[in-house]
Amino acid sequence: MKYFLKTSVVILGVVFMSNTSCEKETLTGVKTSRFDSPVELLVDEKVTFSKNSKELTLTLVSLSDSRCAKNVQCIWAGNAVAKVQLSGADGSEAELSLCIGECDKVVKTSDTLSVSLNDTNYKVILNEVKNEGINKAVLTVKKI
């Protein structure tokens, strides 16, 4: 009986410690990714890109989706707009507004924009906006 109790306590301790470390990663809200690879973000989520010690952090600040739903007849196709903030390791920052759908008339932006931070040029692409109960943006950052 004592052996069973000690074993149970040890197992519970290991499970608790492993869950605690996973929660810390989740609580920070910072993902890591490689340049040229699509990453899926919720609003307020961050992703860090790193190569040759030049670090770039991209945050999805806001996301709006007014596109026409599937199997619905609309008079306007609508658009989806993602506002992102880029932060360089040197403290430089830039905010971009990316759009897919009918963007020319209303938002006057596109799905791909370029920006320079850390003396490096980047291209940020809004690949798609998913609506799976919660809107998610799929973004790609390329070094150019």
C-alpha atoms as a PDB file:
ATOM      1  CA  MET A   1       0.000   0.000   0.000  1.00  0.00           C
ATOM      2  CA  LYS A   2       2.828   2.422   0.887  1.00  0.00           C
ATOM      3  CA  TYR A   3       4.568   1.588  -2.409  1.00  0.00           C
ATOM      4  CA  PHE A   4       1.369   2.340  -4.338  1.00  0.00           C
ATOM      5  CA  LEU A   5       0.912   5.652  -2.507  1.00  0.00           C
ATOM      6  CA  LYS A   6       4.532   6.739  -3.103  1.00  0.00           C
ATOM      7  CA  THR A   7       4.326   5.751  -6.771  1.00  0.00           C
ATOM      8  CA  SER A   8       1.069   7.671  -7.193  1.00  0.00           C
ATOM      9  CA  VAL A   9       2.556  10.796  -5.617  1.00  0.00           C
ATOM     10  CA  VAL A  10       5.616  10.605  -7.887  1.00  0.00           C
ATOM     11  CA  ILE A  11       3.469  10.128 -11.005  1.00  0.00           C
ATOM     12  CA  LEU A  12       1.192  13.022 -10.031  1.00  0.00           C
ATOM     13  CA  GLY A  13       4.248  15.220  -9.429  1.00  0.00           C
ATOM     14  CA  VAL A  14       5.693  14.401 -12.851  1.00  0.00           C
ATOM     15  CA  VAL A  15       2.342  15.071 -14.550  1.00  0.00           C
ATOM     16  CA  PHE A  16       1.950  18.361 -12.672  1.00  0.00           C
ATOM     17  CA  MET A  17       5.471  19.526 -13.590  1.00  0.00           C
ATOM     18  CA  SER A  18       5.031  18.635 -17.274  1.00  0.00           C
ATOM     19  CA  ASN A  19       1.670  20.446 -17.422  1.00  0.00           C
ATOM     20  CA  THR A  20       3.134  23.493 -15.721  1.00  0.00           C
ATOM     21  CA  SER A  21       5.929  23.827 -18.266  1.00  0.00           C
ATOM     22  CA  CYS A  22       3.455  23.529 -21.181  1.00  0.00           C
ATOM     23  CA  GLU A  23       1.224  26.200 -19.677  1.00  0.00           C
ATOM     24  CA  LYS A  24       4.142  28.647 -19.465  1.00  0.00           C
ATOM     25  CA  GLU A  25       4.744  28.295 -23.187  1.00  0.00           C
ATOM     26  CA  THR A  26       1.065  28.812 -23.902  1.00  0.00           C
ATOM     27  CA  LEU A  27       0.754  31.746 -21.514  1.00  0.00           C
ATOM     28  CA  THR A  28       3.535  33.690 -23.222  1.00  0.00           C
ATOM     29  CA  GLY A  29       1.615  33.521 -26.494  1.00  0.00           C
ATOM     30  CA  VAL A  30       4.845  33.607 -28.516  1.00  0.00           C
ATOM     31  CA  LYS A  31       5.343  31.057 -31.265  1.00  0.00           C
ATOM     32  CA  THR A  32       8.503  30.568 -33.269  1.00  0.00           C
ATOM     33  CA  SER A  33       8.676  30.049 -37.014  1.00  0.00           C
ATOM     34  CA  ARG A  34      11.050  30.103 -39.948  1.00  0.00           C
ATOM     35  CA  PHE A  35      11.072  32.752 -42.645  1.00  0.00           C
ATOM     36  CA  ASP A  36       9.153  31.692 -45.795  1.00  0.00           C
ATOM     37  CA  SER A  37       6.902  29.345 -43.768  1.00  0.00           C
ATOM     38  CA  PRO A  38       3.199  30.148 -43.255  1.00  0.00           C
ATOM     39  CA  VAL A  39       2.155  30.620 -39.641  1.00  0.00           C
ATOM     40  CA  GLU A  40      -1.390  30.705 -38.262  1.00  0.00           C
ATOM     41  CA  LEU A  41      -2.188  33.355 -35.639  1.00  0.00           C
ATOM     42  CA  LEU A  42      -5.120  34.475 -33.527  1.00  0.00           C
ATOM     43  CA  VAL A  43      -5.536  38.135 -32.555  1.00  0.00           C
ATOM     44  CA  ASP A  44      -2.885  39.165 -29.974  1.00  0.00           C
ATOM     45  CA  GLU A  45      -0.716  36.129 -30.756  1.00  0.00           C
ATOM     46  CA  LYS A  46       2.961  36.657 -31.552  1.00  0.00           C
ATOM     47  CA  VAL A  47       5.471  34.768 -33.636  1.00  0.00           C
ATOM     48  CA  THR A  48       9.235  35.228 -33.539  1.00  0.00           C
ATOM     49  CA  PHE A  49      11.496  34.697 -36.540  1.00  0.00           C
ATOM     50  CA  SER A  50      15.224  34.366 -35.984  1.00  0.00           C
ATOM     51  CA  LYS A  51      18.176  33.920 -38.317  1.00  0.00           C
ATOM     52  CA  ASN A  52      21.777  35.079 -37.885  1.00  0.00           C
ATOM     53  CA  SER A  53      20.869  36.681 -34.523  1.00  0.00           C
ATOM     54  CA  LYS A  54      18.529  39.216 -36.173  1.00  0.00           C
ATOM     55  CA  GLU A  55      15.234  38.606 -34.463  1.00  0.00           C
ATOM     56  CA  LEU A  56      11.854  39.766 -35.752  1.00  0.00           C
ATOM     57  CA  THR A  57       8.554  39.506 -33.885  1.00  0.00           C
ATOM     58  CA  LEU A  58       5.216  39.722 -35.671  1.00  0.00           C
ATOM     59  CA  THR A  59       2.009  40.324 -33.691  1.00  0.00           C
ATOM     60  CA  LEU A  60      -1.503  40.014 -35.116  1.00  0.00           C
ATOM     61  CA  VAL A  61      -3.047  43.209 -33.705  1.00  0.00           C
ATOM     62  CA  SER A  62      -6.537  42.914 -35.208  1.00  0.00           C
ATOM     63  CA  LEU A  63      -8.472  40.912 -37.754  1.00  0.00           C
ATOM     64  CA  SER A  64     -11.774  41.742 -39.433  1.00  0.00           C
ATOM     65  CA  ASP A  65     -13.577  39.589 -41.977  1.00  0.00           C
ATOM     66  CA  SER A  66     -16.523  41.015 -43.920  1.00  0.00           C
ATOM     67  CA  ARG A  67     -16.327  38.565 -46.822  1.00  0.00           C
ATOM     68  CA  CYS A  68     -19.460  36.973 -48.183  1.00  0.00           C
ATOM     69  CA  ALA A  69     -20.118  33.592 -46.604  1.00  0.00           C
ATOM     70  CA  LYS A  70     -20.103  30.403 -48.700  1.00  0.00           C
ATOM     71  CA  ASN A  71     -23.388  29.507 -50.411  1.00  0.00           C
ATOM     72  CA  VAL A  72     -24.774  33.009 -49.796  1.00  0.00           C
ATOM     73  CA  GLN A  73     -25.566  35.522 -52.502  1.00  0.00           C
ATOM     74  CA  CYS A  74     -24.104  38.947 -51.685  1.00  0.00           C
ATOM     75  CA  ILE A  75     -24.001  42.264 -53.522  1.00  0.00           C
ATOM     76  CA  TRP A  76     -20.383  42.774 -52.411  1.00  0.00           C
ATOM     77  CA  ALA A  77     -17.704  40.091 -52.040  1.00  0.00           C
ATOM     78  CA  GLY A  78     -16.217  41.880 -49.010  1.00  0.00           C
ATOM     79  CA  ASN A  79     -12.701  41.642 -47.643  1.00  0.00           C
ATOM     80  CA  ALA A  80     -10.621  40.519 -44.709  1.00  0.00           C
ATOM     81  CA  VAL A  81      -8.128  42.914 -43.107  1.00  0.00           C
ATOM     82  CA  ALA A  82      -5.289  41.918 -40.803  1.00  0.00           C
ATOM     83  CA  LYS A  83      -3.322  44.558 -38.915  1.00  0.00           C
ATOM     84  CA  VAL A  84       0.105  43.361 -37.853  1.00  0.00           C
ATOM     85  CA  GLN A  85       2.925  44.893 -35.874  1.00  0.00           C
ATOM     86  CA  LEU A  86       6.530  44.003 -36.582  1.00  0.00           C
ATOM     87  CA  SER A  87       9.198  44.569 -33.937  1.00  0.00           C
ATOM     88  CA  GLY A  88      12.908  44.301 -34.616  1.00  0.00           C
ATOM     89  CA  ALA A  89      15.581  43.276 -32.139  1.00  0.00           C
ATOM     90  CA  ASP A  90      16.945  46.831 -32.310  1.00  0.00           C
ATOM     91  CA  GLY A  91      13.639  48.280 -31.042  1.00  0.00           C
ATOM     92  CA  SER A  92      12.368  49.370 -34.453  1.00  0.00           C
ATOM     93  CA  GLU A  93       8.666  48.854 -35.125  1.00  0.00           C
ATOM     94  CA  ALA A  94       6.253  49.019 -38.041  1.00  0.00           C
ATOM     95  CA  GLU A  95       2.517  48.470 -38.363  1.00  0.00           C
ATOM     96  CA  LEU A  96       1.012  47.114 -41.563  1.00  0.00           C
ATOM     97  CA  SER A  97      -2.548  46.618 -42.744  1.00  0.00           C
ATOM     98  CA  LEU A  98      -2.932  43.662 -45.124  1.00  0.00           C
ATOM     99  CA  CYS A  99      -6.092  42.832 -47.055  1.00  0.00           C
ATOM    100  CA  ILE A 100      -7.563  39.997 -49.120  1.00  0.00           C
ATOM    101  CA  GLY A 101     -10.758  40.186 -51.148  1.00  0.00           C
ATOM    102  CA  GLU A 102     -12.094  43.480 -52.489  1.00  0.00           C
ATOM    103  CA  CYS A 103      -9.508  45.828 -51.044  1.00  0.00           C
ATOM    104  CA  ASP A 104      -8.834  48.458 -53.711  1.00  0.00           C
ATOM    105  CA  LYS A 105     -11.961  50.527 -53.174  1.00  0.00           C
ATOM    106  CA  VAL A 106     -12.263  50.453 -49.405  1.00  0.00           C
ATOM    107  CA  VAL A 107      -8.956  49.689 -47.692  1.00  0.00           C
ATOM    108  CA  LYS A 108      -6.486  50.578 -50.486  1.00  0.00           C
ATOM    109  CA  THR A 109      -3.945  47.995 -49.461  1.00  0.00           C
ATOM    110  CA  SER A 110      -2.982  44.524 -50.632  1.00  0.00           C
ATOM    111  CA  ASP A 111      -2.205  41.071 -49.330  1.00  0.00           C
ATOM    112  CA  THR A 112       1.562  41.668 -49.639  1.00  0.00           C
ATOM    113  CA  LEU A 113       3.572  44.596 -48.251  1.00  0.00           C
ATOM    114  CA  SER A 114       7.270  45.262 -47.771  1.00  0.00           C
ATOM    115  CA  VAL A 115       8.948  46.873 -44.774  1.00  0.00           C
ATOM    116  CA  SER A 116      12.510  47.543 -43.611  1.00  0.00           C
ATOM    117  CA  LEU A 117      13.561  46.808 -40.005  1.00  0.00           C
ATOM    118  CA  ASN A 118      16.993  46.005 -38.509  1.00  0.00           C
ATOM    119  CA  ASP A 119      18.524  47.172 -41.805  1.00  0.00           C
ATOM    120  CA  THR A 120      16.803  44.200 -43.433  1.00  0.00           C
ATOM    121  CA  ASN A 121      13.920  44.186 -45.903  1.00  0.00           C
ATOM    122  CA  TYR A 122      10.980  41.897 -45.252  1.00  0.00           C
ATOM    123  CA  LYS A 123       7.900  40.990 -47.242  1.00  0.00           C
ATOM    124  CA  VAL A 124       4.764  40.175 -45.206  1.00  0.00           C
ATOM    125  CA  ILE A 125       2.022  38.187 -46.934  1.00  0.00           C
ATOM    126  CA  LEU A 126      -1.544  37.574 -45.765  1.00  0.00           C
ATOM    127  CA  ASN A 127      -2.135  34.117 -47.268  1.00  0.00           C
ATOM    128  CA  GLU A 128      -5.649  33.563 -45.968  1.00  0.00           C
ATOM    129  CA  VAL A 129      -8.111  34.273 -43.192  1.00  0.00           C
ATOM    130  CA  LYS A 130      -9.813  31.229 -41.711  1.00  0.00           C
ATOM    131  CA  ASN A 131     -13.097  31.385 -39.882  1.00  0.00           C
ATOM    132  CA  GLU A 132     -13.401  28.267 -37.754  1.00  0.00           C
ATOM    133  CA  GLY A 133     -15.555  29.802 -35.048  1.00  0.00           C
ATOM    134  CA  ILE A 134     -12.618  32.101 -34.307  1.00  0.00           C
ATOM    135  CA  ASN A 135     -10.897  34.059 -37.050  1.00  0.00           C
ATOM    136  CA  LYS A 136      -7.269  33.135 -37.720  1.00  0.00           C
ATOM    137  CA  ALA A 137      -4.819  34.756 -40.109  1.00  0.00           C
ATOM    138  CA  VAL A 138      -2.264  32.735 -42.043  1.00  0.00           C
ATOM    139  CA  LEU A 139       0.796  34.912 -42.643  1.00  0.00           C
ATOM    140  CA  THR A 140       4.208  34.431 -44.236  1.00  0.00           C
ATOM    141  CA  VAL A 141       7.282  36.606 -43.653  1.00  0.00           C
ATOM    142  CA  LYS A 142      10.097  36.543 -46.215  1.00  0.00           C
ATOM    143  CA  LYS A 143      13.490  38.202 -46.118  1.00  0.00           C
ATOM    144  CA  ILE A 144      14.125  40.071 -49.365  1.00  0.00           C
END
